[in-house]
Amino acid sequence: MKCYFCQERERVGYWSYWCEDCANLRRMLLIYSPEKCIDILKRTLTRDTAQINYKVQQEIKKIVNKEIEDKTEDDSYEQKPTTRSSKKK
């Protein structure tokens, strides 16, 4: 007894048509207009090429910055530790 919408999950009960998630989607479509739901999904889930390229560039910057930080931390261990030249009396 698969869901009529997704065809993957089991239906909630014998007399129901949808699984729990698809039933929630159906309720949202009934509460709000289908056009509004589609508009929200398009704005949040789909990306155009400019948005994808921007996200890729941001991820590359994160990786490069992390490598630079790791390298500077490694260099700090190679320096001599500073010690006190004379004790205070």
N, C-alpha and C. Protein backbone atom coordinates (compact mmCIF):
# COMPACT_ATOMS: atom_id res chain seq x y z
N MET A 1 0.83 -1.17 0.00
CA MET A 1 0.00 0.00 0.00
C MET A 1 0.88 1.25 0.00
N LYS A 2 1.29 1.69 -1.16
CA LYS A 2 2.16 2.84 -1.31
C LYS A 2 1.35 4.13 -1.40
N CYS A 3 2.03 5.21 -1.07
CA CYS A 3 1.42 6.55 -1.15
C CYS A 3 1.06 6.85 -2.61
N TYR A 4 -0.09 7.47 -2.82
CA TYR A 4 -0.52 7.79 -4.17
C TYR A 4 0.32 8.91 -4.80
N PHE A 5 0.94 9.75 -3.96
CA PHE A 5 1.70 10.88 -4.50
C PHE A 5 3.17 10.52 -4.75
N CYS A 6 3.88 10.09 -3.73
CA CYS A 6 5.31 9.83 -3.90
C CYS A 6 5.60 8.41 -4.40
N GLN A 7 4.70 7.51 -4.23
CA GLN A 7 4.85 6.12 -4.67
C GLN A 7 6.04 5.41 -4.01
N GLU A 8 6.49 5.92 -2.85
CA GLU A 8 7.65 5.32 -2.18
C GLU A 8 7.32 4.81 -0.79
N ARG A 9 6.67 5.63 0.00
CA ARG A 9 6.40 5.29 1.39
C ARG A 9 5.05 4.62 1.55
N GLU A 10 4.92 3.99 2.72
CA GLU A 10 3.65 3.35 3.05
C GLU A 10 2.62 4.40 3.44
N ARG A 11 1.38 4.13 3.10
CA ARG A 11 0.29 5.03 3.49
C ARG A 11 0.08 4.96 5.00
N VAL A 12 -0.52 6.02 5.55
CA VAL A 12 -0.73 6.10 7.00
C VAL A 12 -1.69 5.01 7.46
N GLY A 13 -2.75 4.80 6.74
CA GLY A 13 -3.73 3.78 7.12
C GLY A 13 -4.31 3.14 5.87
N TYR A 14 -5.14 2.16 6.10
CA TYR A 14 -5.73 1.43 4.98
C TYR A 14 -6.61 2.32 4.12
N TRP A 15 -7.38 3.21 4.75
CA TRP A 15 -8.31 4.05 4.01
C TRP A 15 -7.70 5.38 3.57
N SER A 16 -6.47 5.67 3.93
CA SER A 16 -5.84 6.93 3.52
C SER A 16 -5.10 6.72 2.20
N TYR A 17 -4.83 7.82 1.53
CA TYR A 17 -4.18 7.75 0.22
C TYR A 17 -2.71 8.16 0.26
N TRP A 18 -2.31 8.91 1.28
CA TRP A 18 -0.98 9.49 1.30
C TRP A 18 -0.19 9.07 2.53
N CYS A 19 1.14 9.18 2.40
CA CYS A 19 2.01 8.98 3.55
C CYS A 19 1.96 10.25 4.40
N GLU A 20 2.63 10.25 5.53
CA GLU A 20 2.56 11.39 6.43
C GLU A 20 3.08 12.68 5.81
N ASP A 21 4.24 12.62 5.15
CA ASP A 21 4.83 13.82 4.55
C ASP A 21 3.98 14.36 3.40
N CYS A 22 3.51 13.50 2.55
CA CYS A 22 2.67 13.94 1.42
C CYS A 22 1.34 14.50 1.91
N ALA A 23 0.83 13.94 3.01
CA ALA A 23 -0.41 14.48 3.59
C ALA A 23 -0.17 15.89 4.11
N ASN A 24 1.00 16.13 4.70
CA ASN A 24 1.34 17.48 5.16
C ASN A 24 1.46 18.44 3.98
N LEU A 25 2.08 17.98 2.90
CA LEU A 25 2.17 18.82 1.69
C LEU A 25 0.78 19.15 1.15
N ARG A 26 -0.08 18.18 1.14
CA ARG A 26 -1.44 18.40 0.65
C ARG A 26 -2.17 19.41 1.52
N ARG A 27 -1.99 19.31 2.84
CA ARG A 27 -2.63 20.27 3.75
C ARG A 27 -2.12 21.68 3.48
N MET A 28 -0.82 21.83 3.26
CA MET A 28 -0.26 23.15 2.96
C MET A 28 -0.81 23.71 1.66
N LEU A 29 -0.98 22.84 0.68
CA LEU A 29 -1.55 23.30 -0.58
C LEU A 29 -3.01 23.71 -0.42
N LEU A 30 -3.72 23.10 0.51
CA LEU A 30 -5.10 23.47 0.76
C LEU A 30 -5.20 24.77 1.57
N ILE A 31 -4.26 24.96 2.50
CA ILE A 31 -4.28 26.16 3.33
C ILE A 31 -3.88 27.38 2.52
N TYR A 32 -2.75 27.27 1.82
CA TYR A 32 -2.26 28.36 0.99
C TYR A 32 -2.62 28.05 -0.46
N SER A 33 -2.49 29.01 -1.31
CA SER A 33 -2.78 28.73 -2.71
C SER A 33 -1.63 27.92 -3.32
N PRO A 34 -1.91 27.04 -4.27
CA PRO A 34 -0.83 26.28 -4.90
C PRO A 34 0.21 27.17 -5.57
N GLU A 35 -0.22 28.32 -6.11
CA GLU A 35 0.72 29.24 -6.75
C GLU A 35 1.71 29.79 -5.74
N LYS A 36 1.21 30.12 -4.54
CA LYS A 36 2.10 30.65 -3.49
C LYS A 36 3.09 29.57 -3.04
N CYS A 37 2.62 28.34 -2.88
CA CYS A 37 3.51 27.25 -2.49
C CYS A 37 4.59 27.00 -3.54
N ILE A 38 4.20 27.01 -4.79
CA ILE A 38 5.16 26.80 -5.88
C ILE A 38 6.17 27.93 -5.93
N ASP A 39 5.71 29.16 -5.73
CA ASP A 39 6.61 30.32 -5.73
C ASP A 39 7.64 30.20 -4.61
N ILE A 40 7.20 29.82 -3.43
CA ILE A 40 8.12 29.65 -2.30
C ILE A 40 9.12 28.55 -2.58
N LEU A 41 8.66 27.44 -3.11
CA LEU A 41 9.57 26.32 -3.42
C LEU A 41 10.58 26.70 -4.49
N LYS A 42 10.15 27.43 -5.51
CA LYS A 42 11.07 27.86 -6.56
C LYS A 42 12.13 28.80 -6.01
N ARG A 43 11.72 29.73 -5.14
CA ARG A 43 12.68 30.69 -4.57
C ARG A 43 13.67 30.02 -3.64
N THR A 44 13.25 28.99 -2.93
CA THR A 44 14.13 28.39 -1.93
C THR A 44 14.89 27.17 -2.43
N LEU A 45 14.33 26.41 -3.33
CA LEU A 45 14.96 25.15 -3.72
C LEU A 45 15.70 25.19 -5.04
N THR A 46 15.25 26.01 -5.97
CA THR A 46 15.92 26.03 -7.27
C THR A 46 16.91 27.18 -7.34
N ARG A 47 17.99 26.95 -8.03
CA ARG A 47 19.05 27.94 -8.18
C ARG A 47 19.37 28.12 -9.65
N ASP A 48 19.67 29.36 -10.03
CA ASP A 48 20.12 29.59 -11.40
C ASP A 48 21.65 29.52 -11.43
N THR A 49 22.24 29.62 -12.60
CA THR A 49 23.69 29.43 -12.72
C THR A 49 24.48 30.49 -11.97
N ALA A 50 23.99 31.72 -11.92
CA ALA A 50 24.71 32.78 -11.20
C ALA A 50 24.76 32.47 -9.71
N GLN A 51 23.65 31.99 -9.16
CA GLN A 51 23.63 31.66 -7.74
C GLN A 51 24.53 30.45 -7.45
N ILE A 52 24.55 29.49 -8.34
CA ILE A 52 25.41 28.31 -8.15
C ILE A 52 26.88 28.72 -8.20
N ASN A 53 27.25 29.55 -9.18
CA ASN A 53 28.64 30.00 -9.30
C ASN A 53 29.06 30.80 -8.07
N TYR A 54 28.19 31.65 -7.57
CA TYR A 54 28.49 32.44 -6.37
C TYR A 54 28.74 31.51 -5.18
N LYS A 55 27.89 30.51 -5.00
CA LYS A 55 28.05 29.57 -3.89
C LYS A 55 29.35 28.79 -4.01
N VAL A 56 29.70 28.37 -5.22
CA VAL A 56 30.95 27.64 -5.44
C VAL A 56 32.14 28.52 -5.08
N GLN A 57 32.12 29.77 -5.50
CA GLN A 57 33.22 30.70 -5.18
C GLN A 57 33.34 30.93 -3.67
N GLN A 58 32.21 31.03 -2.98
CA GLN A 58 32.24 31.21 -1.53
C GLN A 58 32.84 29.98 -0.84
N GLU A 59 32.52 28.80 -1.31
CA GLU A 59 33.07 27.58 -0.72
C GLU A 59 34.57 27.49 -0.98
N ILE A 60 35.01 27.89 -2.17
CA ILE A 60 36.44 27.89 -2.49
C ILE A 60 37.18 28.86 -1.57
N LYS A 61 36.60 30.04 -1.34
CA LYS A 61 37.23 31.02 -0.45
C LYS A 61 37.36 30.46 0.96
N LYS A 62 36.35 29.75 1.45
CA LYS A 62 36.41 29.16 2.78
C LYS A 62 37.56 28.16 2.87
N ILE A 63 37.71 27.33 1.84
CA ILE A 63 38.76 26.31 1.85
C ILE A 63 40.12 26.97 1.81
N VAL A 64 40.30 27.97 0.95
CA VAL A 64 41.59 28.65 0.83
C VAL A 64 41.93 29.36 2.13
N ASN A 65 40.97 30.05 2.72
CA ASN A 65 41.22 30.75 3.99
C ASN A 65 41.58 29.77 5.10
N LYS A 66 40.96 28.62 5.11
CA LYS A 66 41.26 27.62 6.13
C LYS A 66 42.68 27.09 5.95
N GLU A 67 43.08 26.87 4.70
CA GLU A 67 44.45 26.40 4.43
C GLU A 67 45.47 27.44 4.86
N ILE A 68 45.18 28.72 4.60
CA ILE A 68 46.10 29.78 5.00
C ILE A 68 46.20 29.85 6.52
N GLU A 69 45.08 29.75 7.22
CA GLU A 69 45.09 29.75 8.68
C GLU A 69 45.87 28.56 9.23
N ASP A 70 45.67 27.40 8.64
CA ASP A 70 46.39 26.21 9.09
C ASP A 70 47.88 26.37 8.88
N LYS A 71 48.28 26.98 7.78
CA LYS A 71 49.70 27.17 7.48
C LYS A 71 50.32 28.15 8.46
N THR A 72 49.63 29.23 8.79
CA THR A 72 50.18 30.19 9.74
C THR A 72 50.27 29.59 11.13
N GLU A 73 49.35 28.74 11.50
CA GLU A 73 49.43 28.07 12.79
C GLU A 73 50.62 27.13 12.83
N ASP A 74 50.92 26.44 11.74
CA ASP A 74 52.07 25.54 11.68
C ASP A 74 53.37 26.33 11.78
N ASP A 75 53.45 27.51 11.19
CA ASP A 75 54.65 28.33 11.24
C ASP A 75 54.92 28.83 12.65
N SER A 76 53.91 29.05 13.43
CA SER A 76 54.09 29.57 14.78
C SER A 76 54.82 28.56 15.67
N TYR A 77 54.72 27.28 15.39
CA TYR A 77 55.42 26.29 16.17
C TYR A 77 56.92 26.26 15.85
N GLU A 78 57.31 26.73 14.70
CA GLU A 78 58.71 26.72 14.32
C GLU A 78 59.50 27.86 14.95
N GLN A 79 58.82 28.89 15.41
CA GLN A 79 59.50 30.01 16.03
C GLN A 79 59.98 29.64 17.43
N LYS A 80 61.07 30.30 17.85
CA LYS A 80 61.58 30.05 19.18
C LYS A 80 60.63 30.63 20.21
N PRO A 81 60.46 29.94 21.30
CA PRO A 81 59.62 30.51 22.34
C PRO A 81 60.32 31.68 23.03
N THR A 82 59.58 32.65 23.41
CA THR A 82 60.18 33.79 24.10
C THR A 82 60.33 33.45 25.57
N THR A 83 61.51 33.76 26.12
CA THR A 83 61.78 33.49 27.53
C THR A 83 62.19 34.78 28.22
N ARG A 84 62.11 34.77 29.51
CA ARG A 84 62.53 35.95 30.27
C ARG A 84 64.05 35.96 30.37
N SER A 85 64.61 37.10 30.09
CA SER A 85 66.08 37.18 30.13
C SER A 85 66.60 37.34 31.56
N SER A 86 65.83 37.96 32.40
CA SER A 86 66.27 38.08 33.79
C SER A 86 65.05 37.99 34.69
N LYS A 87 65.29 37.47 35.87
CA LYS A 87 64.19 37.32 36.83
C LYS A 87 64.05 38.63 37.61
N LYS A 88 62.84 38.93 37.99
CA LYS A 88 62.59 40.12 38.80
C LYS A 88 62.93 39.80 40.24
N LYS A 89 63.58 40.75 40.89
CA LYS A 89 63.97 40.53 42.29
C LYS A 89 63.11 41.31 43.22
